[in-house]
Amino acid sequence: MVASRDKLLASQPAAVAAKEAFVAEYIAGRVDCSVGLGVNESGDDWTVKVFAQSPAAARELPAHFRDFDVEVQVTGPAVAYE
């Protein structure tokens, strides 16, 4: 547990840089996707997390970017509640 935490802390700057580069290359100017950074399912590495509004938007994205996996979740369009 401590080793994976240390690994995540050490690799966080690279993960943030990869996420920012991913946004610049694939997401900038799009309104149908949102991007975040999270830990993968096994909890041992970072992943770029993308929330896409449609399956078509999701298909346009890679499954891997630099040294990180890309996880895409189709969420449907955002709705504002008043």
C-alpha atoms as a PDB file:
ATOM      1  CA  MET A   1       0.000   0.000   0.000  1.00  0.00           C
ATOM      2  CA  VAL A   2       2.734   2.466   0.942  1.00  0.00           C
ATOM      3  CA  ALA A   3       4.783   1.532  -2.133  1.00  0.00           C
ATOM      4  CA  SER A   4       1.886   2.193  -4.526  1.00  0.00           C
ATOM      5  CA  ARG A   5       1.112   5.473  -2.746  1.00  0.00           C
ATOM      6  CA  ASP A   6       4.740   6.560  -3.090  1.00  0.00           C
ATOM      7  CA  LYS A   7       4.720   5.546  -6.763  1.00  0.00           C
ATOM      8  CA  LEU A   8       1.548   7.568  -7.377  1.00  0.00           C
ATOM      9  CA  LEU A   9       2.958  10.618  -5.615  1.00  0.00           C
ATOM     10  CA  ALA A  10       6.213  10.382  -7.564  1.00  0.00           C
ATOM     11  CA  SER A  11       4.436  10.025 -10.912  1.00  0.00           C
ATOM     12  CA  GLN A  12       1.762  12.672 -10.328  1.00  0.00           C
ATOM     13  CA  PRO A  13       3.583  15.530 -12.142  1.00  0.00           C
ATOM     14  CA  ALA A  14       3.980  13.355 -15.258  1.00  0.00           C
ATOM     15  CA  ALA A  15       0.329  12.304 -15.053  1.00  0.00           C
ATOM     16  CA  VAL A  16      -0.857  15.915 -14.789  1.00  0.00           C
ATOM     17  CA  ALA A  17       1.335  16.887 -17.745  1.00  0.00           C
ATOM     18  CA  ALA A  18      -0.043  13.974 -19.789  1.00  0.00           C
ATOM     19  CA  LYS A  19      -3.620  14.958 -18.943  1.00  0.00           C
ATOM     20  CA  GLU A  20      -2.982  18.548 -20.015  1.00  0.00           C
ATOM     21  CA  ALA A  21      -1.389  17.375 -23.274  1.00  0.00           C
ATOM     22  CA  PHE A  22      -4.320  14.991 -23.856  1.00  0.00           C
ATOM     23  CA  VAL A  23      -6.763  17.869 -23.398  1.00  0.00           C
ATOM     24  CA  ALA A  24      -4.798  20.050 -25.809  1.00  0.00           C
ATOM     25  CA  GLU A  25      -4.647  17.318 -28.458  1.00  0.00           C
ATOM     26  CA  TYR A  26      -8.072  15.666 -28.220  1.00  0.00           C
ATOM     27  CA  ILE A  27     -10.490  17.775 -26.154  1.00  0.00           C
ATOM     28  CA  ALA A  28      -9.755  21.472 -26.684  1.00  0.00           C
ATOM     29  CA  GLY A  29     -12.692  23.164 -28.387  1.00  0.00           C
ATOM     30  CA  ARG A  30     -15.083  20.259 -27.773  1.00  0.00           C
ATOM     31  CA  VAL A  31     -18.163  20.607 -25.632  1.00  0.00           C
ATOM     32  CA  ASP A  32     -19.066  16.910 -25.614  1.00  0.00           C
ATOM     33  CA  CYS A  33     -16.259  15.671 -23.330  1.00  0.00           C
ATOM     34  CA  SER A  34     -14.799  16.424 -19.900  1.00  0.00           C
ATOM     35  CA  VAL A  35     -11.436  15.190 -18.679  1.00  0.00           C
ATOM     36  CA  GLY A  36     -10.024  14.397 -15.273  1.00  0.00           C
ATOM     37  CA  LEU A  37      -7.194  12.446 -13.733  1.00  0.00           C
ATOM     38  CA  GLY A  38      -7.779   9.447 -11.512  1.00  0.00           C
ATOM     39  CA  VAL A  39      -6.343   6.196 -10.277  1.00  0.00           C
ATOM     40  CA  ASN A  40      -6.904   3.064 -12.353  1.00  0.00           C
ATOM     41  CA  GLU A  41      -9.067   0.173 -11.127  1.00  0.00           C
ATOM     42  CA  SER A  42      -6.133  -1.715  -9.620  1.00  0.00           C
ATOM     43  CA  GLY A  43      -5.071   1.425  -7.751  1.00  0.00           C
ATOM     44  CA  ASP A  44      -1.452   1.304  -8.844  1.00  0.00           C
ATOM     45  CA  ASP A  45      -1.228   3.905 -11.616  1.00  0.00           C
ATOM     46  CA  TRP A  46      -2.821   7.061 -12.953  1.00  0.00           C
ATOM     47  CA  THR A  47      -5.378   7.084 -15.741  1.00  0.00           C
ATOM     48  CA  VAL A  48      -6.869   9.868 -17.822  1.00  0.00           C
ATOM     49  CA  LYS A  49     -10.622   9.747 -17.225  1.00  0.00           C
ATOM     50  CA  VAL A  50     -12.905  11.084 -19.925  1.00  0.00           C
ATOM     51  CA  PHE A  51     -16.654  11.616 -19.627  1.00  0.00           C
ATOM     52  CA  ALA A  52     -18.185  11.721 -23.105  1.00  0.00           C
ATOM     53  CA  GLN A  53     -21.739  12.705 -23.971  1.00  0.00           C
ATOM     54  CA  SER A  54     -22.160  10.103 -26.710  1.00  0.00           C
ATOM     55  CA  PRO A  55     -20.713   6.823 -27.975  1.00  0.00           C
ATOM     56  CA  ALA A  56     -19.601   8.673 -31.123  1.00  0.00           C
ATOM     57  CA  ALA A  57     -17.542  11.111 -29.039  1.00  0.00           C
ATOM     58  CA  ALA A  58     -16.050   8.210 -27.077  1.00  0.00           C
ATOM     59  CA  ARG A  59     -15.001   6.349 -30.240  1.00  0.00           C
ATOM     60  CA  GLU A  60     -12.862   9.307 -31.340  1.00  0.00           C
ATOM     61  CA  LEU A  61     -10.559   8.983 -28.314  1.00  0.00           C
ATOM     62  CA  PRO A  62      -7.531   6.721 -27.866  1.00  0.00           C
ATOM     63  CA  ALA A  63      -7.392   3.975 -25.222  1.00  0.00           C
ATOM     64  CA  HIS A  64      -3.834   4.955 -24.272  1.00  0.00           C
ATOM     65  CA  PHE A  65      -1.959   8.267 -24.206  1.00  0.00           C
ATOM     66  CA  ARG A  66       1.749   8.505 -23.439  1.00  0.00           C
ATOM     67  CA  ASP A  67       2.365   6.192 -20.459  1.00  0.00           C
ATOM     68  CA  PHE A  68      -1.219   6.273 -19.201  1.00  0.00           C
ATOM     69  CA  ASP A  69      -4.438   4.436 -19.916  1.00  0.00           C
ATOM     70  CA  VAL A  70      -7.481   6.433 -20.991  1.00  0.00           C
ATOM     71  CA  GLU A  71     -10.798   5.389 -19.465  1.00  0.00           C
ATOM     72  CA  VAL A  72     -13.866   6.711 -21.261  1.00  0.00           C
ATOM     73  CA  GLN A  73     -17.342   6.699 -19.755  1.00  0.00           C
ATOM     74  CA  VAL A  74     -20.378   7.655 -21.826  1.00  0.00           C
ATOM     75  CA  THR A  75     -22.558   9.794 -19.575  1.00  0.00           C
ATOM     76  CA  GLY A  76     -25.072  11.364 -21.939  1.00  0.00           C
ATOM     77  CA  PRO A  77     -25.656  15.096 -22.224  1.00  0.00           C
ATOM     78  CA  ALA A  78     -25.276  17.284 -19.159  1.00  0.00           C
ATOM     79  CA  VAL A  79     -28.469  18.628 -17.631  1.00  0.00           C
ATOM     80  CA  ALA A  80     -28.750  21.753 -15.519  1.00  0.00           C
ATOM     81  CA  TYR A  81     -31.315  21.722 -12.755  1.00  0.00           C
ATOM     82  CA  GLU A  82     -32.785  24.874 -11.309  1.00  0.00           C
END
